[in-house]
N, C-alpha and C. Protein backbone atom coordinates (compact mmCIF):
# COMPACT_ATOMS: atom_id res chain seq x y z
N MET A 1 -5.88 -0.26 8.92
CA MET A 1 -6.82 -1.13 8.23
C MET A 1 -5.91 -2.10 7.49
N ASP A 2 -6.09 -3.24 7.89
CA ASP A 2 -5.46 -4.39 7.44
C ASP A 2 -6.22 -5.42 6.93
N GLY A 3 -5.95 -5.70 5.63
CA GLY A 3 -7.01 -6.90 5.15
C GLY A 3 -6.39 -8.11 5.32
N GLY A 4 -5.38 -8.45 6.02
CA GLY A 4 -4.77 -9.82 6.27
C GLY A 4 -4.29 -10.47 4.82
N THR A 5 -4.18 -11.70 5.00
CA THR A 5 -3.58 -12.48 3.73
C THR A 5 -4.96 -12.50 2.78
N GLY A 6 -4.46 -12.97 1.44
CA GLY A 6 -5.47 -13.00 0.56
C GLY A 6 -5.84 -11.76 -0.35
N ARG A 7 -6.82 -11.90 -1.06
CA ARG A 7 -7.34 -10.70 -2.05
C ARG A 7 -8.27 -9.76 -1.26
N ASP A 8 -7.97 -8.65 -1.12
CA ASP A 8 -8.83 -7.82 -0.55
C ASP A 8 -8.82 -6.39 -1.04
N ILE A 9 -10.32 -5.76 -0.80
CA ILE A 9 -10.35 -4.36 -1.20
C ILE A 9 -10.55 -3.65 0.17
N LEU A 10 -9.72 -2.49 0.18
CA LEU A 10 -9.64 -1.91 1.32
C LEU A 10 -10.35 -0.45 0.92
N ILE A 11 -11.28 -0.02 1.84
CA ILE A 11 -11.78 1.27 1.68
C ILE A 11 -11.91 1.82 2.75
N GLY A 12 -11.41 3.04 3.13
CA GLY A 12 -11.33 3.89 4.40
C GLY A 12 -12.54 4.63 4.66
N GLY A 13 -12.71 5.08 5.80
CA GLY A 13 -13.73 5.97 6.16
C GLY A 13 -13.47 7.44 5.93
N VAL A 14 -14.25 8.13 6.77
CA VAL A 14 -14.08 9.70 6.78
C VAL A 14 -12.86 9.99 7.54
N GLY A 15 -12.15 10.85 7.15
CA GLY A 15 -10.77 11.38 8.07
C GLY A 15 -9.60 10.46 7.31
N ALA A 16 -8.66 10.74 8.26
CA ALA A 16 -7.26 10.04 7.96
C ALA A 16 -7.35 8.31 7.99
N ASP A 17 -6.63 7.67 7.25
CA ASP A 17 -6.80 6.37 7.43
C ASP A 17 -5.27 5.64 7.13
N ILE A 18 -4.91 4.85 7.90
CA ILE A 18 -3.72 4.07 7.84
C ILE A 18 -4.07 2.67 7.21
N PHE A 19 -3.54 2.47 5.77
CA PHE A 19 -3.60 1.07 5.36
C PHE A 19 -2.44 0.14 5.69
N GLU A 20 -2.49 -0.91 6.25
CA GLU A 20 -1.28 -1.79 6.63
C GLU A 20 -1.13 -3.00 5.84
N PHE A 21 0.10 -3.20 5.42
CA PHE A 21 0.48 -4.10 4.75
C PHE A 21 1.84 -4.85 5.37
N GLY A 22 1.94 -6.24 5.17
CA GLY A 22 3.50 -6.84 5.75
C GLY A 22 3.78 -8.11 4.53
N PRO A 23 4.41 -9.15 5.37
CA PRO A 23 4.71 -10.20 4.54
C PRO A 23 3.58 -10.91 4.20
N ALA A 24 3.32 -11.63 3.15
CA ALA A 24 2.17 -12.57 2.84
C ALA A 24 0.88 -11.80 2.82
N THR A 25 0.90 -10.66 2.47
CA THR A 25 -0.31 -9.78 2.36
C THR A 25 -1.09 -10.28 1.16
N GLY A 26 -0.56 -10.73 0.08
CA GLY A 26 -1.56 -11.35 -1.02
C GLY A 26 -1.60 -10.20 -1.98
N LYS A 27 -2.63 -9.84 -2.66
CA LYS A 27 -2.88 -9.17 -3.57
C LYS A 27 -4.28 -8.20 -3.30
N ASP A 28 -4.08 -7.01 -2.99
CA ASP A 28 -5.14 -6.07 -2.26
C ASP A 28 -5.26 -4.94 -3.32
N ILE A 29 -6.02 -4.22 -2.92
CA ILE A 29 -6.71 -2.93 -3.58
C ILE A 29 -7.21 -2.11 -2.64
N ILE A 30 -6.35 -0.71 -2.68
CA ILE A 30 -6.84 0.31 -2.15
C ILE A 30 -7.88 1.10 -2.80
N ARG A 31 -8.84 1.67 -2.54
CA ARG A 31 -9.91 2.08 -3.37
C ARG A 31 -9.94 3.76 -3.13
N ASP A 32 -9.82 4.14 -2.00
CA ASP A 32 -10.02 5.64 -1.68
C ASP A 32 -8.75 6.33 -0.87
N PHE A 33 -7.66 6.21 -1.39
CA PHE A 33 -6.44 6.77 -0.61
C PHE A 33 -6.75 8.33 -1.02
N ALA A 34 -6.19 8.95 0.12
CA ALA A 34 -6.34 10.41 -0.08
C ALA A 34 -4.86 10.91 0.35
N ALA A 35 -4.20 11.35 -0.60
CA ALA A 35 -2.80 11.80 -0.72
C ALA A 35 -2.95 12.99 0.42
N GLY A 36 -2.04 13.09 1.36
CA GLY A 36 -2.07 14.24 2.16
C GLY A 36 -2.89 14.00 3.58
N GLU A 37 -3.56 12.88 3.52
CA GLU A 37 -4.38 12.66 4.62
C GLU A 37 -4.30 11.20 5.13
N ASP A 38 -4.26 10.25 4.23
CA ASP A 38 -3.84 8.71 4.52
C ASP A 38 -2.62 8.23 4.25
N LEU A 39 -2.32 7.27 5.00
CA LEU A 39 -1.02 6.80 4.98
C LEU A 39 -0.76 5.29 4.74
N ILE A 40 0.16 4.69 4.17
CA ILE A 40 0.26 3.35 4.03
C ILE A 40 1.37 2.77 4.71
N ARG A 41 1.14 2.01 5.75
CA ARG A 41 2.10 1.55 6.77
C ARG A 41 2.84 -0.11 6.11
N ILE A 42 4.05 0.01 6.10
CA ILE A 42 4.54 -1.26 5.79
C ILE A 42 5.30 -1.97 6.87
N GLY A 43 4.79 -3.03 7.35
CA GLY A 43 5.40 -3.63 8.51
C GLY A 43 6.40 -4.66 8.24
N VAL A 44 7.45 -4.37 7.72
CA VAL A 44 8.61 -5.24 7.33
C VAL A 44 10.04 -4.72 7.94
N ALA A 45 10.58 -5.44 9.03
CA ALA A 45 11.69 -4.76 9.60
C ALA A 45 12.79 -4.38 8.58
N GLY A 46 13.40 -3.28 8.71
CA GLY A 46 14.51 -2.84 7.84
C GLY A 46 14.19 -2.16 6.43
N LEU A 47 12.98 -2.47 6.02
CA LEU A 47 12.38 -1.99 4.76
C LEU A 47 12.38 -0.55 4.70
N THR A 48 12.84 -0.07 3.54
CA THR A 48 12.76 1.40 3.38
C THR A 48 11.70 1.86 2.14
N TYR A 49 11.48 3.09 1.64
CA TYR A 49 11.01 3.36 0.62
C TYR A 49 11.68 3.13 -0.87
N GLU A 50 12.83 3.16 -0.65
CA GLU A 50 13.75 2.59 -1.84
C GLU A 50 13.90 1.14 -2.12
N ASP A 51 13.27 0.34 -1.37
CA ASP A 51 13.09 -1.15 -1.43
C ASP A 51 11.86 -1.32 -2.30
N LEU A 52 11.02 -0.38 -2.26
CA LEU A 52 9.55 -0.55 -2.90
C LEU A 52 9.75 -0.41 -4.41
N SER A 53 8.75 -1.09 -5.23
CA SER A 53 8.59 -1.01 -6.62
C SER A 53 7.24 -0.33 -7.10
N LEU A 54 7.20 0.80 -7.53
CA LEU A 54 5.79 1.46 -7.75
C LEU A 54 5.58 1.59 -9.45
N SER A 55 4.76 0.99 -9.89
CA SER A 55 4.58 0.70 -11.32
C SER A 55 3.11 1.37 -11.72
N ALA A 56 3.23 2.27 -12.66
CA ALA A 56 1.77 2.81 -13.21
C ALA A 56 0.97 1.64 -13.84
N VAL A 57 -0.40 1.53 -13.56
CA VAL A 57 -1.14 0.84 -14.31
C VAL A 57 -2.52 1.52 -14.58
N ARG A 58 -3.36 0.89 -15.49
CA ARG A 58 -4.50 1.66 -15.90
C ARG A 58 -5.33 2.39 -14.89
N ASP A 59 -5.45 1.67 -13.66
CA ASP A 59 -6.35 2.29 -12.46
C ASP A 59 -5.44 3.02 -11.35
N GLY A 60 -4.11 2.83 -11.44
CA GLY A 60 -3.32 3.45 -10.53
C GLY A 60 -1.99 3.11 -10.37
N LEU A 61 -1.56 2.77 -9.22
CA LEU A 61 -0.09 2.46 -9.03
C LEU A 61 -0.03 1.17 -8.15
N VAL A 62 0.79 0.08 -8.66
CA VAL A 62 0.71 -0.96 -8.16
C VAL A 62 2.22 -0.96 -7.13
N VAL A 63 2.04 -1.41 -6.00
CA VAL A 63 3.21 -1.39 -5.13
C VAL A 63 3.59 -2.73 -4.70
N THR A 64 4.95 -3.08 -5.01
CA THR A 64 5.48 -4.49 -4.83
C THR A 64 6.82 -4.25 -4.09
N GLY A 65 7.41 -5.46 -3.89
CA GLY A 65 8.93 -5.20 -3.18
C GLY A 65 9.22 -5.27 -1.77
N PHE A 66 7.93 -5.61 -1.12
CA PHE A 66 7.81 -5.56 0.57
C PHE A 66 7.83 -6.78 1.14
N ASP A 67 7.91 -7.86 0.35
CA ASP A 67 8.03 -9.31 0.83
C ASP A 67 8.67 -10.18 -0.30
N ASP A 68 8.97 -11.43 -0.19
CA ASP A 68 9.60 -12.29 -1.10
C ASP A 68 8.43 -13.32 -1.62
N GLN A 69 7.11 -12.74 -1.30
CA GLN A 69 6.14 -13.80 -1.66
C GLN A 69 5.10 -13.40 -2.87
N ASP A 70 5.72 -12.39 -3.51
CA ASP A 70 4.78 -11.78 -4.73
C ASP A 70 3.41 -11.04 -4.22
N SER A 71 3.59 -10.56 -2.99
CA SER A 71 2.33 -9.56 -2.32
C SER A 71 2.54 -8.16 -3.17
N GLU A 72 1.35 -7.57 -3.45
CA GLU A 72 1.39 -6.45 -3.84
C GLU A 72 0.09 -5.74 -3.54
N PHE A 73 0.17 -4.55 -3.81
CA PHE A 73 -1.37 -3.74 -3.54
C PHE A 73 -1.42 -2.52 -4.82
N VAL A 74 -2.58 -2.54 -5.21
CA VAL A 74 -2.86 -1.36 -6.13
C VAL A 74 -3.51 -0.24 -5.39
N VAL A 75 -3.01 0.99 -5.65
CA VAL A 75 -3.74 2.20 -5.07
C VAL A 75 -4.50 3.03 -6.05
N THR A 76 -5.61 2.61 -6.10
CA THR A 76 -6.43 3.22 -7.49
C THR A 76 -6.82 4.78 -7.27
N GLY A 77 -6.75 5.20 -8.39
CA GLY A 77 -6.91 6.53 -8.67
C GLY A 77 -5.66 7.63 -8.27
N VAL A 78 -4.51 6.99 -7.95
CA VAL A 78 -3.28 7.60 -7.53
C VAL A 78 -2.00 7.21 -8.21
N TRP A 79 -1.24 8.21 -9.11
CA TRP A 79 -0.18 7.79 -9.95
C TRP A 79 1.02 8.31 -9.60
N ALA A 80 1.10 8.86 -8.27
CA ALA A 80 2.49 9.33 -7.61
C ALA A 80 2.03 9.03 -6.14
N LEU A 81 3.30 8.36 -5.66
CA LEU A 81 3.41 8.15 -4.17
C LEU A 81 4.83 8.59 -3.88
N THR A 82 5.00 9.37 -2.73
CA THR A 82 6.24 9.57 -2.18
C THR A 82 6.74 9.09 -0.85
N GLU A 83 7.85 9.20 -0.48
CA GLU A 83 8.18 8.47 0.79
C GLU A 83 7.13 9.17 1.97
N ASP A 84 6.76 10.43 1.80
CA ASP A 84 5.97 10.99 2.85
C ASP A 84 4.70 10.28 3.03
N HIS A 85 4.25 9.35 1.97
CA HIS A 85 2.70 8.79 2.03
C HIS A 85 3.25 7.24 2.79
N PHE A 86 4.27 6.94 3.10
CA PHE A 86 4.46 5.62 3.91
C PHE A 86 5.00 5.88 5.16
N LEU A 87 4.58 4.83 6.21
CA LEU A 87 5.23 4.59 7.23
C LEU A 87 5.90 3.25 7.31
N PHE A 88 7.07 3.20 7.69
CA PHE A 88 7.76 1.89 7.85
C PHE A 88 8.23 1.45 9.25
N THR A 89 7.67 0.22 9.69
CA THR A 89 7.93 -0.17 11.22
C THR A 89 8.24 -1.68 11.28
């Protein structure tokens, strides 16, 4: 699931979802991330989990560091994400 550019709210369906982000994503929100079931794909060549910045906020985690354009996404209701929750392509 890819919201494209701009500000988007992403809500997956029943079963496993893959939320996709890349350069110039904008500022998005994932509303129903299910750890152990869903994944987040970061489509930036050469990027690794260590390049990301994860910061706790009131509603969940803000993820930044995957481009140089201040793009970010918030994963609501989640306060911990590990490398296992991400795919890098």
